[in-house]
C-alpha atoms as a PDB file:
ATOM      1  CA  MET A   1     -24.075 -27.109 -21.909  1.00  0.00           C
ATOM      2  CA  SER A   2     -23.428 -29.173 -18.732  1.00  0.00           C
ATOM      3  CA  VAL A   3     -20.588 -28.639 -16.773  1.00  0.00           C
ATOM      4  CA  ALA A   4     -17.959 -30.383 -15.412  1.00  0.00           C
ATOM      5  CA  PRO A   5     -16.493 -29.990 -11.779  1.00  0.00           C
ATOM      6  CA  PRO A   6     -12.758 -28.448 -11.414  1.00  0.00           C
ATOM      7  CA  ASN A   7     -10.072 -29.993 -13.117  1.00  0.00           C
ATOM      8  CA  GLY A   8      -7.371 -27.562 -13.909  1.00  0.00           C
ATOM      9  CA  GLN A   9      -3.646 -27.598 -13.838  1.00  0.00           C
ATOM     10  CA  GLY A  10      -1.255 -24.412 -12.182  1.00  0.00           C
ATOM     11  CA  GLY A  11      -0.257 -21.338 -14.180  1.00  0.00           C
ATOM     12  CA  LEU A  12       3.580 -19.878 -14.786  1.00  0.00           C
ATOM     13  CA  ALA A  13       3.821 -18.360 -11.287  1.00  0.00           C
ATOM     14  CA  ALA A  14       0.851 -19.456  -9.363  1.00  0.00           C
ATOM     15  CA  ALA A  15      -2.299 -21.227  -9.561  1.00  0.00           C
ATOM     16  CA  PHE A  16      -5.193 -22.806  -8.163  1.00  0.00           C
ATOM     17  CA  LEU A  17      -8.553 -24.188  -7.978  1.00  0.00           C
ATOM     18  CA  LEU A  18     -11.619 -22.626  -7.497  1.00  0.00           C
ATOM     19  CA  LEU A  19     -13.276 -25.417  -5.730  1.00  0.00           C
ATOM     20  CA  ALA A  20     -16.534 -23.663  -4.834  1.00  0.00           C
ATOM     21  CA  ALA A  21     -17.705 -23.433  -8.806  1.00  0.00           C
ATOM     22  CA  PRO A  22     -17.369 -25.567 -11.398  1.00  0.00           C
ATOM     23  CA  VAL A  23     -15.065 -23.446 -13.367  1.00  0.00           C
ATOM     24  CA  VAL A  24     -11.138 -24.615 -14.014  1.00  0.00           C
ATOM     25  CA  VAL A  25      -8.933 -21.531 -12.685  1.00  0.00           C
ATOM     26  CA  ALA A  26      -5.283 -20.835 -13.208  1.00  0.00           C
ATOM     27  CA  ALA A  27      -2.792 -17.711 -13.202  1.00  0.00           C
ATOM     28  CA  ALA A  28       0.230 -16.698 -14.635  1.00  0.00           C
ATOM     29  CA  VAL A  29       2.688 -13.540 -13.880  1.00  0.00           C
ATOM     30  CA  GLY A  30       4.753 -11.145 -15.734  1.00  0.00           C
ATOM     31  CA  VAL A  31       7.058  -9.402 -13.892  1.00  0.00           C
ATOM     32  CA  GLY A  32       8.739  -5.770 -15.624  1.00  0.00           C
ATOM     33  CA  TYR A  33      12.036  -3.949 -13.508  1.00  0.00           C
ATOM     34  CA  VAL A  34      13.630   0.017 -14.197  1.00  0.00           C
ATOM     35  CA  VAL A  35      17.121   0.323 -13.039  1.00  0.00           C
ATOM     36  CA  VAL A  36      18.307   3.158 -10.483  1.00  0.00           C
ATOM     37  CA  THR A  37       8.047  -1.534  -2.491  1.00  0.00           C
ATOM     38  CA  ARG A  38       5.894  -1.498  -1.640  1.00  0.00           C
ATOM     39  CA  SER A  39       3.544   1.582  -0.708  1.00  0.00           C
ATOM     40  CA  ARG A  40       2.913   2.794   2.403  1.00  0.00           C
ATOM     41  CA  ASP A  41      -0.295   3.086   1.715  1.00  0.00           C
ATOM     42  CA  SER A  42      -2.696   0.539   0.591  1.00  0.00           C
ATOM     43  CA  LYS A  43      -2.734  -0.293  -3.253  1.00  0.00           C
ATOM     44  CA  ARG A  44      -5.201   1.911  -5.093  1.00  0.00           C
ATOM     45  CA  SER A  45      -7.015   1.917  -8.469  1.00  0.00           C
ATOM     46  CA  GLU A  46      -5.435   3.895 -11.435  1.00  0.00           C
ATOM     47  CA  ALA A  47      -8.212   6.516 -11.124  1.00  0.00           C
ATOM     48  CA  ASN A  48      -7.159   7.591  -7.679  1.00  0.00           C
ATOM     49  CA  ALA A  49      -2.786   7.401  -8.749  1.00  0.00           C
ATOM     50  CA  PRO A  50      -1.321  10.770  -7.354  1.00  0.00           C
ATOM     51  CA  LEU A  51       0.815  11.339 -10.349  1.00  0.00           C
ATOM     52  CA  PHE A  52      -0.621  10.315 -13.382  1.00  0.00           C
ATOM     53  CA  ALA A  53      -4.267   9.912 -15.115  1.00  0.00           C
ATOM     54  CA  PRO A  54      -5.546   6.705 -15.925  1.00  0.00           C
ATOM     55  CA  ARG A  55      -3.598   5.958 -19.334  1.00  0.00           C
ATOM     56  CA  THR A  56      -4.898   4.696 -22.349  1.00  0.00           C
ATOM     57  CA  PRO A  57      -3.701   1.753 -23.503  1.00  0.00           C
ATOM     58  CA  SER A  58      -1.575   1.992 -26.712  1.00  0.00           C
ATOM     59  CA  ARG A  59      -3.823  -0.397 -28.965  1.00  0.00           C
ATOM     60  CA  ASN A  60      -6.776  -1.482 -28.826  1.00  0.00           C
ATOM     61  CA  HIS A  61      -7.366  -4.621 -26.692  1.00  0.00           C
ATOM     62  CA  ASP A  62      -9.658  -7.292 -26.678  1.00  0.00           C
ATOM     63  CA  PRO A  63     -12.915  -5.991 -24.968  1.00  0.00           C
ATOM     64  CA  ARG A  64     -13.440  -9.720 -23.187  1.00  0.00           C
ATOM     65  CA  VAL A  65     -10.498  -9.071 -20.878  1.00  0.00           C
ATOM     66  CA  ARG A  66     -11.568  -7.712 -17.630  1.00  0.00           C
ATOM     67  CA  VAL A  67      -8.481  -5.259 -16.392  1.00  0.00           C
ATOM     68  CA  THR A  68      -7.909  -3.960 -13.273  1.00  0.00           C
ATOM     69  CA  VAL A  69      -4.545  -1.246 -12.869  1.00  0.00           C
ATOM     70  CA  LEU A  70      -3.175  -0.379  -9.678  1.00  0.00           C
ATOM     71  CA  HIS A  71      -0.478   1.640  -7.867  1.00  0.00           C
ATOM     72  CA  ASP A  72       1.116   0.247  -4.471  1.00  0.00           C
ATOM     73  CA  ASP A  73       3.259   2.835  -4.831  1.00  0.00           C
ATOM     74  CA  TYR A  74       6.148   3.905  -2.624  1.00  0.00           C
ATOM     75  CA  GLU A  75       7.172   7.672  -0.954  1.00  0.00           C
ATOM     76  CA  ILE A  76      10.434   9.888  -1.068  1.00  0.00           C
ATOM     77  CA  ALA A  77      11.487  12.988   0.444  1.00  0.00           C
ATOM     78  CA  GLY A  78      14.157  15.684  -0.056  1.00  0.00           C
ATOM     79  CA  GLY A  79      15.441  18.528  -1.975  1.00  0.00           C
ATOM     80  CA  SER A  80      17.792  17.760  -3.982  1.00  0.00           C
ATOM     81  CA  ALA A  81      18.861  15.432  -7.057  1.00  0.00           C
ATOM     82  CA  ALA A  82      21.242  13.398  -4.882  1.00  0.00           C
ATOM     83  CA  ALA A  83      18.910  12.969  -2.103  1.00  0.00           C
ATOM     84  CA  LEU A  84      15.979  11.710  -4.332  1.00  0.00           C
ATOM     85  CA  ARG A  85      18.308   9.205  -6.005  1.00  0.00           C
ATOM     86  CA  GLN A  86      19.902   7.707  -2.398  1.00  0.00           C
ATOM     87  CA  GLN A  87      15.850   7.316  -1.629  1.00  0.00           C
ATOM     88  CA  MET A  88      15.065   5.900  -4.621  1.00  0.00           C
ATOM     89  CA  ASN A  89      18.266   3.261  -4.390  1.00  0.00           C
ATOM     90  CA  GLN A  90      17.690   2.563  -0.511  1.00  0.00           C
ATOM     91  CA  ASP A  91      13.721   2.299  -0.861  1.00  0.00           C
ATOM     92  CA  GLY A  92      13.125   1.095  -4.478  1.00  0.00           C
ATOM     93  CA  PRO A  93      11.622  -2.354  -4.950  1.00  0.00           C
ATOM     94  CA  ALA A  94      14.479  -4.888  -4.444  1.00  0.00           C
ATOM     95  CA  GLU A  95      15.388  -8.048  -6.927  1.00  0.00           C
ATOM     96  CA  GLN A  96      17.906 -10.843  -6.138  1.00  0.00           C
ATOM     97  CA  GLY A  97      19.982  -7.673  -3.982  1.00  0.00           C
ATOM     98  CA  ARG A  98      19.335  -5.231  -6.164  1.00  0.00           C
ATOM     99  CA  HIS A  99      17.210  -1.907  -5.873  1.00  0.00           C
ATOM    100  CA  TYR A 100      15.356  -0.682  -9.254  1.00  0.00           C
ATOM    101  CA  ASP A 101      13.783   3.134  -8.950  1.00  0.00           C
ATOM    102  CA  ALA A 102       9.718   1.308  -9.797  1.00  0.00           C
ATOM    103  CA  HIS A 103       8.203  -2.554 -10.272  1.00  0.00           C
ATOM    104  CA  THR A 104       5.252  -3.403 -12.824  1.00  0.00           C
ATOM    105  CA  ASP A 105       3.793  -6.507 -12.570  1.00  0.00           C
ATOM    106  CA  TRP A 106       0.724  -8.221 -14.218  1.00  0.00           C
ATOM    107  CA  ASN A 107      -1.138 -11.040 -13.317  1.00  0.00           C
ATOM    108  CA  VAL A 108      -3.474 -13.087 -16.009  1.00  0.00           C
ATOM    109  CA  LYS A 109      -6.082 -15.436 -14.528  1.00  0.00           C
ATOM    110  CA  TRP A 110      -8.065 -17.907 -17.070  1.00  0.00           C
ATOM    111  CA  ALA A 111     -11.241 -19.684 -16.158  1.00  0.00           C
ATOM    112  CA  TYR A 112     -13.603 -21.613 -17.936  1.00  0.00           C
ATOM    113  CA  PRO A 113     -16.541 -24.376 -17.312  1.00  0.00           C
ATOM    114  CA  PHE A 114     -16.413 -27.614 -19.243  1.00  0.00           C
ATOM    115  CA  ASP A 115     -19.072 -28.098 -22.279  1.00  0.00           C
ATOM    116  CA  ARG A 116     -19.461 -31.280 -23.209  1.00  0.00           C
ATOM    117  CA  SER A 117     -22.337 -31.100 -25.571  1.00  0.00           C
ATOM    118  CA  ASN A 118     -21.993 -33.742 -28.783  1.00  0.00           C
ATOM    119  CA  GLY A 119     -20.436 -36.445 -26.746  1.00  0.00           C
ATOM    120  CA  ARG A 120     -17.169 -34.181 -27.072  1.00  0.00           C
ATOM    121  CA  CYS A 121     -15.184 -31.798 -24.323  1.00  0.00           C
ATOM    122  CA  ALA A 122     -14.493 -27.946 -25.260  1.00  0.00           C
ATOM    123  CA  THR A 123     -14.100 -24.860 -23.186  1.00  0.00           C
ATOM    124  CA  GLY A 124     -17.308 -23.358 -21.895  1.00  0.00           C
ATOM    125  CA  PRO A 125     -17.364 -19.390 -22.269  1.00  0.00           C
ATOM    126  CA  VAL A 126     -13.960 -18.097 -21.580  1.00  0.00           C
ATOM    127  CA  THR A 127     -13.279 -15.592 -18.645  1.00  0.00           C
ATOM    128  CA  VAL A 128      -9.924 -13.730 -18.630  1.00  0.00           C
ATOM    129  CA  THR A 129      -8.390 -11.430 -15.738  1.00  0.00           C
ATOM    130  CA  LEU A 130      -5.974  -9.396 -15.638  1.00  0.00           C
ATOM    131  CA  THR A 131      -4.163  -7.309 -12.979  1.00  0.00           C
ATOM    132  CA  ILE A 132      -1.421  -4.790 -13.605  1.00  0.00           C
ATOM    133  CA  THR A 133       0.223  -3.194 -10.168  1.00  0.00           C
ATOM    134  CA  TYR A 134       2.548  -0.029 -10.875  1.00  0.00           C
ATOM    135  CA  ARG A 135       5.572   0.681  -8.366  1.00  0.00           C
ATOM    136  CA  LEU A 136       6.688   3.802  -8.739  1.00  0.00           C
ATOM    137  CA  PRO A 137       8.285   6.485  -6.712  1.00  0.00           C
ATOM    138  CA  VAL A 138       6.003   8.980  -5.172  1.00  0.00           C
ATOM    139  CA  TRP A 139       7.685  12.444  -4.539  1.00  0.00           C
ATOM    140  CA  ASP A 140       6.931  13.722  -1.338  1.00  0.00           C
ATOM    141  CA  GLY A 141       6.986  17.254  -1.093  1.00  0.00           C
ATOM    142  CA  GLU A 142       7.503  18.334  -4.789  1.00  0.00           C
ATOM    143  CA  SER A 143       5.403  21.402  -4.898  1.00  0.00           C
ATOM    144  CA  GLY A 144       8.066  23.409  -2.829  1.00  0.00           C
ATOM    145  CA  ALA A 145      10.717  22.722  -5.410  1.00  0.00           C
ATOM    146  CA  PRO A 146      12.980  24.240  -6.915  1.00  0.00           C
ATOM    147  CA  PRO A 147      12.124  24.944 -10.687  1.00  0.00           C
ATOM    148  CA  ASP A 148      15.346  23.510 -12.578  1.00  0.00           C
ATOM    149  CA  LEU A 149      14.640  20.405 -10.553  1.00  0.00           C
ATOM    150  CA  LEU A 150      11.500  19.766 -11.182  1.00  0.00           C
ATOM    151  CA  GLU A 151      11.370  19.865 -14.082  1.00  0.00           C
ATOM    152  CA  LYS A 152      14.131  17.454 -14.202  1.00  0.00           C
ATOM    153  CA  TRP A 153      11.981  15.361 -12.568  1.00  0.00           C
ATOM    154  CA  HIS A 154       8.884  15.258 -14.638  1.00  0.00           C
ATOM    155  CA  THR A 155      11.039  14.569 -17.263  1.00  0.00           C
ATOM    156  CA  TYR A 156      12.054  11.158 -15.752  1.00  0.00           C
ATOM    157  CA  MET A 157       9.100  10.312 -14.126  1.00  0.00           C
ATOM    158  CA  GLN A 158       7.217  10.861 -17.689  1.00  0.00           C
ATOM    159  CA  ALA A 159      10.000   8.240 -18.768  1.00  0.00           C
ATOM    160  CA  LEU A 160      10.219   5.626 -16.264  1.00  0.00           C
ATOM    161  CA  ARG A 161       6.115   5.529 -16.606  1.00  0.00           C
ATOM    162  CA  THR A 162       6.554   5.535 -20.527  1.00  0.00           C
ATOM    163  CA  HIS A 163       8.991   2.523 -19.953  1.00  0.00           C
ATOM    164  CA  GLU A 164       6.975   0.590 -16.780  1.00  0.00           C
ATOM    165  CA  ASP A 165       3.565   0.772 -19.600  1.00  0.00           C
ATOM    166  CA  GLY A 166       5.552  -1.685 -22.236  1.00  0.00           C
ATOM    167  CA  HIS A 167       5.621  -4.165 -19.529  1.00  0.00           C
ATOM    168  CA  ALA A 168       2.004  -3.589 -18.611  1.00  0.00           C
ATOM    169  CA  GLU A 169       1.687  -4.282 -22.434  1.00  0.00           C
ATOM    170  CA  HIS A 170       2.893  -7.206 -22.581  1.00  0.00           C
ATOM    171  CA  GLY A 171       0.139  -8.346 -19.877  1.00  0.00           C
ATOM    172  CA  ARG A 172      -2.502  -7.081 -22.133  1.00  0.00           C
ATOM    173  CA  ASP A 173      -1.272  -8.778 -25.064  1.00  0.00           C
ATOM    174  CA  ALA A 174      -0.934 -11.762 -23.030  1.00  0.00           C
ATOM    175  CA  ALA A 175      -4.373 -11.895 -22.163  1.00  0.00           C
ATOM    176  CA  ASP A 176      -5.637 -11.152 -25.271  1.00  0.00           C
ATOM    177  CA  GLU A 177      -3.827 -14.710 -26.466  1.00  0.00           C
ATOM    178  CA  VAL A 178      -5.222 -16.365 -23.575  1.00  0.00           C
ATOM    179  CA  ILE A 179      -9.027 -15.375 -23.933  1.00  0.00           C
ATOM    180  CA  ALA A 180      -8.679 -15.991 -28.415  1.00  0.00           C
ATOM    181  CA  ALA A 181      -6.926 -18.977 -28.100  1.00  0.00           C
ATOM    182  CA  LEU A 182      -8.328 -20.890 -25.308  1.00  0.00           C
ATOM    183  CA  SER A 183     -11.926 -19.392 -26.578  1.00  0.00           C
ATOM    184  CA  GLY A 184     -10.701 -21.440 -29.928  1.00  0.00           C
ATOM    185  CA  LEU A 185      -9.362 -24.544 -28.882  1.00  0.00           C
ATOM    186  CA  PRO A 186     -10.857 -27.777 -30.653  1.00  0.00           C
ATOM    187  CA  PRO A 187     -13.172 -29.886 -28.672  1.00  0.00           C
ATOM    188  CA  ALA A 188     -11.284 -33.011 -27.333  1.00  0.00           C
ATOM    189  CA  ASP A 189     -12.407 -36.691 -26.338  1.00  0.00           C
ATOM    190  CA  ALA A 190     -12.254 -36.274 -22.233  1.00  0.00           C
ATOM    191  CA  CYS A 191     -12.012 -33.136 -20.168  1.00  0.00           C
ATOM    192  CA  PRO A 192      -9.133 -34.347 -18.659  1.00  0.00           C
ATOM    193  CA  ALA A 193      -6.948 -33.949 -21.747  1.00  0.00           C
ATOM    194  CA  MET A 194      -9.438 -30.664 -23.292  1.00  0.00           C
ATOM    195  CA  ASP A 195      -7.714 -28.987 -19.608  1.00  0.00           C
ATOM    196  CA  SER A 196      -4.411 -30.259 -20.201  1.00  0.00           C
ATOM    197  CA  ALA A 197      -4.671 -28.751 -23.504  1.00  0.00           C
ATOM    198  CA  ALA A 198      -6.038 -25.697 -22.133  1.00  0.00           C
ATOM    199  CA  ASN A 199      -3.442 -25.063 -19.801  1.00  0.00           C
ATOM    200  CA  SER A 200      -0.683 -25.287 -21.541  1.00  0.00           C
ATOM    201  CA  THR A 201      -1.510 -23.276 -24.024  1.00  0.00           C
ATOM    202  CA  ALA A 202      -1.979 -20.522 -21.752  1.00  0.00           C
ATOM    203  CA  ARG A 203       0.850 -21.265 -19.873  1.00  0.00           C
ATOM    204  CA  ALA A 204       2.859 -21.065 -23.684  1.00  0.00           C
ATOM    205  CA  ILE A 205       1.413 -17.912 -23.979  1.00  0.00           C
ATOM    206  CA  THR A 206       1.951 -16.022 -20.894  1.00  0.00           C
ATOM    207  CA  ASP A 207       5.991 -17.451 -20.325  1.00  0.00           C
ATOM    208  CA  ARG A 208       6.876 -16.056 -23.716  1.00  0.00           C
ATOM    209  CA  TYR A 209       5.415 -12.612 -22.612  1.00  0.00           C
ATOM    210  CA  ALA A 210       7.384 -12.735 -19.292  1.00  0.00           C
ATOM    211  CA  ALA A 211      10.289 -13.645 -21.413  1.00  0.00           C
ATOM    212  CA  GLU A 212       9.568 -10.489 -23.737  1.00  0.00           C
ATOM    213  CA  ASP A 213       9.688  -8.705 -20.261  1.00  0.00           C
ATOM    214  CA  VAL A 214      13.150 -10.034 -19.713  1.00  0.00           C
ATOM    215  CA  THR A 215      14.139  -8.956 -22.982  1.00  0.00           C
ATOM    216  CA  TYR A 216      12.917  -5.489 -23.240  1.00  0.00           C
ATOM    217  CA  ASP A 217      14.288  -4.603 -19.981  1.00  0.00           C
ATOM    218  CA  ARG A 218      17.723  -5.866 -21.272  1.00  0.00           C
ATOM    219  CA  ASP A 219      17.154  -4.045 -24.961  1.00  0.00           C
ATOM    220  CA  THR A 220      16.316  -1.307 -22.983  1.00  0.00           C
ATOM    221  CA  ASN A 221      18.797  -1.065 -20.451  1.00  0.00           C
ATOM    222  CA  HIS A 222      15.923  -1.355 -17.894  1.00  0.00           C
ATOM    223  CA  GLY A 223      14.654   2.714 -19.435  1.00  0.00           C
ATOM    224  CA  ALA A 224      17.573   4.238 -19.733  1.00  0.00           C
ATOM    225  CA  THR A 225      17.753   4.448 -23.547  1.00  0.00           C
ATOM    226  CA  GLN A 226      14.561   5.460 -23.294  1.00  0.00           C
ATOM    227  CA  GLY A 227      15.387   8.610 -20.980  1.00  0.00           C
ATOM    228  CA  ALA A 228      14.621   6.903 -17.396  1.00  0.00           C
ATOM    229  CA  ARG A 229      17.839   8.666 -16.077  1.00  0.00           C
ATOM    230  CA  PHE A 230      17.575  10.588 -12.605  1.00  0.00           C
ATOM    231  CA  PRO A 231      19.421  12.764 -12.040  1.00  0.00           C
END
């Protein structure tokens, strides 16, 4: 196998060439919102997130995909349902002038060397990485809340997280399909053609799952039909 210099194309929402290494690198992003920010703390791993234990995906995924799950949560405070709702309306992540209670994005990146064996050009070993970032409200001071309000909040947060996990699952599915598709592409006569085919294939996959995020929000009314309503 011989390795060619980088010659990649861009991804759906973000892309770059890693010029220091002989591989092609590209990326694509999908997002999902739930209706009614960024954290005041730095991003932290799922294992250190205060609200929930790390989630197990709903089904098995390709073990070749390297997955990182992060939290970028924002804090709210208050002693009543109305106060909590007001803060989420005010401080939740915003998109096109509208505030949401939570936000999940996924970022798929793919990379490969060129394999020029047998006089043709193919993708060498494909590397796919997936980063999932959750932005959820964190209620500061909930330990002293009235039991009825606390129960309502916990019920809501479980439904909210279930909805957001649906968006994360789209990212996992997209990453699985990208690594399978790029690993199985037939060789091309030249590496530029191979590169174009690989990136077009990957972008088509991530575009489709980004569109599924939009459909998912529409079909669930941004999580409302799954119980993500507060108060």
